[in-house]
């Protein structure tokens, strides 16, 4: 388990920072803790237990993307960090939400989608 702690106050403050500048989209965070929050926010577009085709994943990412980064990079981050599980290969690949990301930080259970 990680020594990172993510609580609602921290989550809200990051979200406020990311959405407060209407002039330009912020860069995707490189800080591990901040990137977990960013990916969690995007992951909330997907329901647990449902298999999604890649096109639906890409659409969900585009709808929730607050950053100057493309949907492909975000999708790869979601898979690599345990927010999404890739099932199958090639044209038959689907994605399903995963809770493996919970092992990367201490998530406060008051954050939606964590408990």
N, C-alpha and C. Protein backbone atom coordinates (compact mmCIF):
# COMPACT_ATOMS: atom_id res chain seq x y z
N UNK A 1 0.85 -1.19 0.00
CA UNK A 1 0.00 0.00 0.00
C UNK A 1 0.89 1.24 0.00
N UNK A 2 0.44 2.23 -0.69
CA UNK A 2 1.17 3.48 -0.83
C UNK A 2 1.03 4.33 0.43
N UNK A 3 1.93 5.29 0.57
CA UNK A 3 1.82 6.23 1.68
C UNK A 3 1.07 7.50 1.26
N UNK A 4 0.52 7.52 0.05
CA UNK A 4 -0.27 8.66 -0.41
C UNK A 4 -1.66 8.61 0.21
N UNK A 5 -2.15 9.75 0.66
CA UNK A 5 -3.49 9.83 1.22
C UNK A 5 -4.30 10.84 0.41
N UNK A 6 -5.49 10.41 0.00
CA UNK A 6 -6.35 11.28 -0.79
C UNK A 6 -7.67 11.44 -0.05
N UNK A 7 -7.95 12.68 0.36
CA UNK A 7 -9.19 12.96 1.09
C UNK A 7 -10.05 13.94 0.27
N UNK A 8 -11.31 14.12 0.65
CA UNK A 8 -12.20 14.98 -0.13
C UNK A 8 -11.72 16.43 -0.27
N UNK A 9 -11.10 16.98 0.77
CA UNK A 9 -10.62 18.36 0.70
C UNK A 9 -9.54 18.50 -0.36
N UNK A 10 -8.59 17.58 -0.35
CA UNK A 10 -7.52 17.59 -1.35
C UNK A 10 -8.11 17.42 -2.75
N UNK A 11 -9.02 16.48 -2.90
CA UNK A 11 -9.67 16.20 -4.19
C UNK A 11 -10.35 17.46 -4.72
N UNK A 12 -11.15 18.12 -3.87
CA UNK A 12 -11.87 19.33 -4.28
C UNK A 12 -10.91 20.47 -4.64
N UNK A 13 -9.82 20.61 -3.88
CA UNK A 13 -8.89 21.71 -4.16
C UNK A 13 -8.21 21.51 -5.51
N UNK A 14 -7.85 20.28 -5.84
CA UNK A 14 -7.26 20.02 -7.15
C UNK A 14 -8.28 20.32 -8.26
N UNK A 15 -9.49 19.84 -8.06
CA UNK A 15 -10.54 20.06 -9.06
C UNK A 15 -10.76 21.56 -9.28
N UNK A 16 -10.76 22.34 -8.22
CA UNK A 16 -10.92 23.79 -8.34
C UNK A 16 -9.77 24.42 -9.11
N UNK A 17 -8.56 23.97 -8.83
CA UNK A 17 -7.39 24.48 -9.55
C UNK A 17 -7.47 24.16 -11.04
N UNK A 18 -7.88 22.95 -11.36
CA UNK A 18 -7.93 22.52 -12.76
C UNK A 18 -9.02 23.22 -13.54
N UNK A 19 -10.12 23.57 -12.88
CA UNK A 19 -11.25 24.17 -13.60
C UNK A 19 -11.30 25.68 -13.45
N UNK A 20 -10.41 26.26 -12.68
CA UNK A 20 -10.45 27.69 -12.40
C UNK A 20 -9.93 28.58 -13.51
N UNK A 21 -9.14 28.05 -14.43
CA UNK A 21 -8.56 28.86 -15.50
C UNK A 21 -9.28 28.55 -16.80
N UNK A 22 -10.08 29.50 -17.27
CA UNK A 22 -10.85 29.25 -18.49
C UNK A 22 -10.05 29.57 -19.75
N UNK A 23 -8.85 30.09 -19.61
CA UNK A 23 -8.05 30.46 -20.78
C UNK A 23 -7.45 29.26 -21.49
N UNK A 24 -7.02 28.27 -20.74
CA UNK A 24 -6.37 27.11 -21.36
C UNK A 24 -6.56 25.88 -20.48
N UNK A 25 -6.56 24.73 -21.12
CA UNK A 25 -6.63 23.48 -20.36
C UNK A 25 -5.32 23.26 -19.63
N UNK A 26 -5.37 22.78 -18.40
CA UNK A 26 -4.12 22.50 -17.68
C UNK A 26 -3.44 21.25 -18.25
N UNK A 27 -2.14 21.17 -18.04
CA UNK A 27 -1.41 19.96 -18.40
C UNK A 27 -1.86 18.84 -17.48
N UNK A 28 -1.78 17.61 -17.98
CA UNK A 28 -2.09 16.47 -17.13
C UNK A 28 -1.04 16.41 -16.02
N UNK A 29 -1.46 16.20 -14.77
CA UNK A 29 -0.51 16.23 -13.66
C UNK A 29 0.53 15.12 -13.74
N UNK A 30 1.78 15.47 -13.41
CA UNK A 30 2.84 14.45 -13.38
C UNK A 30 3.06 13.95 -11.95
N UNK A 31 2.62 14.70 -10.98
CA UNK A 31 2.69 14.27 -9.59
C UNK A 31 1.81 13.03 -9.41
N UNK A 32 2.34 11.99 -8.76
CA UNK A 32 1.63 10.71 -8.63
C UNK A 32 0.27 10.87 -7.97
N UNK A 33 0.22 11.62 -6.89
CA UNK A 33 -1.04 11.79 -6.15
C UNK A 33 -2.06 12.57 -6.98
N UNK A 34 -1.61 13.64 -7.62
CA UNK A 34 -2.51 14.44 -8.45
C UNK A 34 -3.02 13.64 -9.65
N UNK A 35 -2.15 12.85 -10.25
CA UNK A 35 -2.59 12.07 -11.42
C UNK A 35 -3.61 11.01 -11.02
N UNK A 36 -3.49 10.45 -9.82
CA UNK A 36 -4.50 9.50 -9.35
C UNK A 36 -5.87 10.16 -9.23
N UNK A 37 -5.89 11.38 -8.71
CA UNK A 37 -7.15 12.10 -8.59
C UNK A 37 -7.72 12.40 -9.98
N UNK A 38 -6.87 12.84 -10.89
CA UNK A 38 -7.33 13.14 -12.25
C UNK A 38 -7.91 11.91 -12.92
N UNK A 39 -7.22 10.78 -12.80
CA UNK A 39 -7.70 9.54 -13.41
C UNK A 39 -8.98 9.06 -12.74
N UNK A 40 -9.06 9.22 -11.43
CA UNK A 40 -10.28 8.82 -10.71
C UNK A 40 -11.47 9.62 -11.22
N UNK A 41 -11.29 10.93 -11.37
CA UNK A 41 -12.39 11.76 -11.87
C UNK A 41 -12.86 11.28 -13.24
N UNK A 42 -11.92 10.97 -14.12
CA UNK A 42 -12.28 10.49 -15.46
C UNK A 42 -12.93 9.12 -15.39
N UNK A 43 -12.41 8.24 -14.54
CA UNK A 43 -12.94 6.89 -14.40
C UNK A 43 -14.39 6.87 -13.94
N UNK A 44 -14.81 7.91 -13.25
CA UNK A 44 -16.19 7.96 -12.75
C UNK A 44 -17.22 7.99 -13.88
N UNK A 45 -16.78 8.14 -15.11
CA UNK A 45 -17.69 8.10 -16.26
C UNK A 45 -18.17 6.68 -16.54
N UNK A 46 -17.52 5.68 -15.94
CA UNK A 46 -17.80 4.29 -16.27
C UNK A 46 -18.38 3.54 -15.08
N UNK A 47 -19.43 2.77 -15.33
CA UNK A 47 -20.09 2.01 -14.28
C UNK A 47 -19.35 0.70 -14.03
N UNK A 48 -19.37 0.28 -12.78
CA UNK A 48 -18.75 -1.00 -12.41
C UNK A 48 -19.54 -2.15 -13.01
N UNK A 49 -18.81 -3.20 -13.42
CA UNK A 49 -19.43 -4.42 -13.89
C UNK A 49 -19.91 -4.39 -15.33
N UNK A 50 -19.67 -3.30 -16.04
CA UNK A 50 -20.10 -3.20 -17.43
C UNK A 50 -18.88 -3.25 -18.33
N UNK A 51 -18.96 -4.04 -19.40
CA UNK A 51 -17.89 -4.10 -20.39
C UNK A 51 -18.14 -3.02 -21.44
N UNK A 52 -17.10 -2.24 -21.73
CA UNK A 52 -17.18 -1.16 -22.69
C UNK A 52 -16.27 -1.44 -23.88
N UNK A 53 -16.75 -1.14 -25.08
CA UNK A 53 -15.87 -1.21 -26.23
C UNK A 53 -14.99 0.03 -26.22
N UNK A 54 -13.89 -0.02 -26.97
CA UNK A 54 -12.93 1.07 -26.95
C UNK A 54 -13.56 2.41 -27.34
N UNK A 55 -14.44 2.41 -28.29
CA UNK A 55 -15.10 3.65 -28.73
C UNK A 55 -15.87 4.29 -27.57
N UNK A 56 -16.56 3.49 -26.78
CA UNK A 56 -17.30 4.03 -25.63
C UNK A 56 -16.36 4.55 -24.54
N UNK A 57 -15.24 3.86 -24.35
CA UNK A 57 -14.24 4.34 -23.39
C UNK A 57 -13.71 5.69 -23.84
N UNK A 58 -13.34 5.78 -25.12
CA UNK A 58 -12.81 7.04 -25.65
C UNK A 58 -13.81 8.18 -25.50
N UNK A 59 -15.07 7.91 -25.76
CA UNK A 59 -16.11 8.94 -25.63
C UNK A 59 -16.25 9.39 -24.17
N UNK A 60 -16.25 8.44 -23.24
CA UNK A 60 -16.34 8.78 -21.82
C UNK A 60 -15.16 9.62 -21.36
N UNK A 61 -13.97 9.27 -21.87
CA UNK A 61 -12.77 10.04 -21.52
C UNK A 61 -12.88 11.46 -22.08
N UNK A 62 -13.26 11.59 -23.33
CA UNK A 62 -13.38 12.92 -23.94
C UNK A 62 -14.38 13.79 -23.17
N UNK A 63 -15.48 13.19 -22.72
CA UNK A 63 -16.50 13.95 -22.00
C UNK A 63 -16.01 14.48 -20.66
N UNK A 64 -15.08 13.78 -20.01
CA UNK A 64 -14.64 14.17 -18.66
C UNK A 64 -13.22 14.71 -18.63
N UNK A 65 -12.57 14.78 -19.77
CA UNK A 65 -11.18 15.22 -19.81
C UNK A 65 -11.07 16.72 -19.58
N UNK A 66 -10.36 17.09 -18.53
CA UNK A 66 -10.13 18.49 -18.18
C UNK A 66 -8.76 18.98 -18.62
N UNK A 67 -7.99 18.12 -19.30
CA UNK A 67 -6.56 18.37 -19.49
C UNK A 67 -6.15 18.45 -20.95
N UNK A 68 -4.98 19.03 -21.15
CA UNK A 68 -4.39 19.14 -22.49
C UNK A 68 -3.62 17.84 -22.78
N UNK A 69 -4.36 16.75 -22.91
CA UNK A 69 -3.78 15.44 -23.20
C UNK A 69 -4.86 14.67 -23.96
N UNK A 70 -4.44 13.83 -24.89
CA UNK A 70 -5.44 13.14 -25.70
C UNK A 70 -6.00 11.91 -24.99
N UNK A 71 -7.14 11.45 -25.49
CA UNK A 71 -7.86 10.35 -24.86
C UNK A 71 -7.07 9.04 -24.87
N UNK A 72 -6.22 8.84 -25.87
CA UNK A 72 -5.44 7.59 -25.94
C UNK A 72 -4.47 7.52 -24.76
N UNK A 73 -3.78 8.61 -24.48
CA UNK A 73 -2.84 8.62 -23.35
C UNK A 73 -3.57 8.42 -22.03
N UNK A 74 -4.73 9.03 -21.90
CA UNK A 74 -5.50 8.85 -20.67
C UNK A 74 -5.97 7.41 -20.55
N UNK A 75 -6.45 6.82 -21.65
CA UNK A 75 -6.90 5.42 -21.61
C UNK A 75 -5.76 4.51 -21.17
N UNK A 76 -4.57 4.72 -21.72
CA UNK A 76 -3.41 3.92 -21.32
C UNK A 76 -3.10 4.10 -19.83
N UNK A 77 -3.18 5.34 -19.34
CA UNK A 77 -2.96 5.60 -17.92
C UNK A 77 -4.02 4.92 -17.06
N UNK A 78 -5.27 4.96 -17.50
CA UNK A 78 -6.34 4.31 -16.74
C UNK A 78 -6.09 2.81 -16.62
N UNK A 79 -5.61 2.19 -17.68
CA UNK A 79 -5.31 0.75 -17.64
C UNK A 79 -4.07 0.49 -16.80
N UNK A 80 -3.00 1.24 -17.06
CA UNK A 80 -1.73 1.00 -16.36
C UNK A 80 -1.80 1.27 -14.86
N UNK A 81 -2.69 2.15 -14.43
CA UNK A 81 -2.78 2.50 -13.01
C UNK A 81 -3.92 1.78 -12.29
N UNK A 82 -4.59 0.86 -12.98
CA UNK A 82 -5.58 0.02 -12.32
C UNK A 82 -6.99 0.57 -12.24
N UNK A 83 -7.31 1.59 -13.02
CA UNK A 83 -8.67 2.13 -13.03
C UNK A 83 -9.56 1.37 -14.01
N UNK A 84 -8.96 0.86 -15.08
CA UNK A 84 -9.67 0.06 -16.06
C UNK A 84 -8.90 -1.23 -16.29
N UNK A 85 -9.63 -2.29 -16.57
CA UNK A 85 -9.03 -3.57 -16.91
C UNK A 85 -9.33 -3.85 -18.38
N UNK A 86 -8.28 -4.14 -19.14
CA UNK A 86 -8.45 -4.47 -20.55
C UNK A 86 -8.70 -5.97 -20.66
N UNK A 87 -9.75 -6.34 -21.39
CA UNK A 87 -10.13 -7.74 -21.55
C UNK A 87 -10.04 -8.08 -23.03
N UNK A 88 -9.27 -9.11 -23.35
CA UNK A 88 -9.11 -9.52 -24.74
C UNK A 88 -8.04 -8.74 -25.46
N UNK A 89 -7.94 -9.00 -26.77
CA UNK A 89 -6.94 -8.32 -27.59
C UNK A 89 -7.51 -8.04 -28.97
N UNK A 90 -6.81 -7.17 -29.69
CA UNK A 90 -7.20 -6.87 -31.06
C UNK A 90 -8.57 -6.24 -31.16
N UNK A 91 -9.35 -6.68 -32.14
CA UNK A 91 -10.68 -6.11 -32.38
C UNK A 91 -11.70 -6.50 -31.32
N UNK A 92 -11.39 -7.49 -30.53
CA UNK A 92 -12.35 -7.97 -29.52
C UNK A 92 -12.07 -7.42 -28.12
N UNK A 93 -11.22 -6.42 -28.04
CA UNK A 93 -10.88 -5.88 -26.73
C UNK A 93 -12.06 -5.10 -26.15
N UNK A 94 -12.28 -5.30 -24.86
CA UNK A 94 -13.24 -4.51 -24.11
C UNK A 94 -12.56 -4.04 -22.84
N UNK A 95 -13.20 -3.13 -22.15
CA UNK A 95 -12.66 -2.57 -20.92
C UNK A 95 -13.74 -2.62 -19.85
N UNK A 96 -13.29 -2.80 -18.62
CA UNK A 96 -14.19 -2.83 -17.47
C UNK A 96 -13.53 -2.04 -16.34
N UNK A 97 -14.33 -1.31 -15.59
CA UNK A 97 -13.75 -0.56 -14.47
C UNK A 97 -13.15 -1.54 -13.47
N UNK A 98 -12.08 -1.09 -12.84
CA UNK A 98 -11.35 -1.92 -11.89
C UNK A 98 -11.14 -1.14 -10.60
N UNK A 99 -10.99 -1.84 -9.52
CA UNK A 99 -10.74 -1.18 -8.23
C UNK A 99 -9.28 -1.35 -7.79
N UNK A 100 -8.43 -1.83 -8.69
CA UNK A 100 -7.01 -2.02 -8.36
C UNK A 100 -6.32 -0.71 -8.00
N UNK A 101 -6.84 0.41 -8.50
CA UNK A 101 -6.25 1.72 -8.20
C UNK A 101 -6.27 2.01 -6.70
N UNK A 102 -7.18 1.38 -5.97
CA UNK A 102 -7.29 1.63 -4.53
C UNK A 102 -6.01 1.25 -3.79
N UNK A 103 -5.21 0.35 -4.37
CA UNK A 103 -3.95 -0.06 -3.74
C UNK A 103 -2.85 0.99 -3.89
N UNK A 104 -3.06 1.98 -4.71
CA UNK A 104 -2.01 2.97 -4.99
C UNK A 104 -2.02 4.15 -4.01
N UNK A 105 -3.04 4.23 -3.17
CA UNK A 105 -3.14 5.32 -2.19
C UNK A 105 -4.14 4.94 -1.12
N UNK A 106 -4.12 5.69 -0.03
CA UNK A 106 -5.15 5.57 1.01
C UNK A 106 -6.27 6.53 0.59
N UNK A 107 -7.37 5.98 0.09
CA UNK A 107 -8.49 6.77 -0.39
C UNK A 107 -9.52 6.91 0.72
N UNK A 108 -9.90 8.14 1.01
CA UNK A 108 -10.95 8.39 1.99
C UNK A 108 -12.26 7.82 1.44
N UNK A 109 -12.98 7.02 2.22
CA UNK A 109 -14.22 6.41 1.74
C UNK A 109 -15.34 7.40 1.43
N UNK A 110 -15.17 8.66 1.83
CA UNK A 110 -16.19 9.67 1.50
C UNK A 110 -16.10 10.13 0.05
N UNK A 111 -15.03 9.75 -0.64
CA UNK A 111 -14.89 10.10 -2.06
C UNK A 111 -15.75 9.14 -2.87
N UNK A 112 -16.63 9.66 -3.73
CA UNK A 112 -17.49 8.78 -4.53
C UNK A 112 -16.68 7.77 -5.35
N UNK A 113 -17.20 6.55 -5.42
CA UNK A 113 -16.55 5.51 -6.21
C UNK A 113 -15.41 4.81 -5.53
N UNK A 114 -15.18 5.11 -4.26
CA UNK A 114 -14.06 4.51 -3.54
C UNK A 114 -14.53 3.43 -2.58
N UNK A 115 -15.64 3.66 -1.90
CA UNK A 115 -16.08 2.68 -0.90
C UNK A 115 -16.95 1.61 -1.52
